[in-house]
Amino acid sequence: MTDYMVDLNALDKDGEVECPYCMKIVSFSYGASGKQSCQCGNCHRFVLIDYDKMKALELLGKHIGMF
């Protein structure tokens, strides 16, 4: 089971990404690149995280309810 565990204290954190709706931290980056959609744990809205720019963007459109 220990093969699936990661000690986050051993990794170098690149930064934090804030939710554009509630301004709370929605994600931490540990060397990530690219884009990912996720739901904010605070306001529960979906955002698109751009890890190259370290910024979360608001999602608009019909696809939001499909998650």
Protein backbone atom coordinates (compact mmCIF):
# COMPACT_ATOMS: atom_id res chain seq x y z
CA MET A 1 0.00 0.00 0.00
CA THR A 2 2.88 2.42 0.56
CA ASP A 3 3.55 2.53 -3.20
CA TYR A 4 0.55 4.85 -3.52
CA MET A 5 1.52 7.29 -0.80
CA VAL A 6 3.43 10.53 -1.36
CA ASP A 7 5.00 12.71 1.32
CA LEU A 8 4.10 16.25 0.21
CA ASN A 9 6.66 17.70 2.62
CA ALA A 10 9.39 16.06 0.51
CA LEU A 11 8.25 17.85 -2.68
CA ASP A 12 9.03 21.43 -3.69
CA LYS A 13 5.82 23.46 -4.00
CA ASP A 14 5.82 25.77 -7.05
CA GLY A 15 2.85 27.81 -5.95
CA GLU A 16 -0.82 28.06 -5.17
CA VAL A 17 -3.74 28.76 -7.50
CA GLU A 18 -6.69 30.81 -6.25
CA CYS A 19 -10.32 30.32 -7.29
CA PRO A 20 -11.47 33.29 -9.43
CA TYR A 21 -14.89 33.21 -7.72
CA CYS A 22 -14.12 33.05 -3.99
CA MET A 23 -10.35 33.80 -4.00
CA LYS A 24 -9.57 30.76 -1.81
CA ILE A 25 -6.79 28.35 -2.74
CA VAL A 26 -8.16 25.76 -5.16
CA SER A 27 -4.92 23.91 -5.95
CA PHE A 28 -1.26 23.56 -5.05
CA SER A 29 1.36 22.96 -7.74
CA TYR A 30 4.31 20.60 -7.34
CA GLY A 31 5.89 20.89 -10.80
CA ALA A 32 2.65 20.58 -12.76
CA SER A 33 2.18 21.91 -16.28
CA GLY A 34 -0.77 22.06 -18.62
CA LYS A 35 -4.45 22.54 -17.80
CA GLN A 36 -6.94 20.80 -15.55
CA SER A 37 -10.57 21.39 -14.68
CA CYS A 38 -11.67 20.89 -11.09
CA GLN A 39 -14.27 21.94 -8.59
CA CYS A 40 -13.41 24.45 -5.89
CA GLY A 41 -13.64 22.87 -2.45
CA ASN A 42 -14.91 26.13 -0.96
CA CYS A 43 -17.54 27.57 -3.36
CA HIS A 44 -18.07 24.33 -5.38
CA ARG A 45 -17.83 26.06 -8.77
CA PHE A 46 -15.84 24.50 -11.59
CA VAL A 47 -12.67 26.24 -12.79
CA LEU A 48 -10.01 25.59 -15.41
CA ILE A 49 -6.52 25.69 -13.91
CA ASP A 50 -3.67 26.73 -16.19
CA TYR A 51 -0.56 25.49 -14.36
CA ASP A 52 1.79 27.16 -16.86
CA LYS A 53 0.37 30.58 -15.89
CA MET A 54 -0.52 29.53 -12.31
CA LYS A 55 -4.02 30.93 -12.73
CA ALA A 56 -7.56 29.55 -12.47
CA LEU A 57 -10.15 30.67 -15.01
CA GLU A 58 -13.94 30.81 -14.78
CA LEU A 59 -15.74 28.18 -16.86
CA LEU A 60 -18.67 29.26 -19.01
CA GLY A 61 -21.00 27.13 -21.10
CA LYS A 62 -23.27 24.11 -21.08
CA HIS A 63 -20.51 21.58 -20.37
CA ILE A 64 -20.24 22.66 -16.72
CA GLY A 65 -23.24 20.60 -15.60
CA MET A 66 -21.84 17.45 -17.22
CA PHE A 67 -19.23 16.87 -14.49
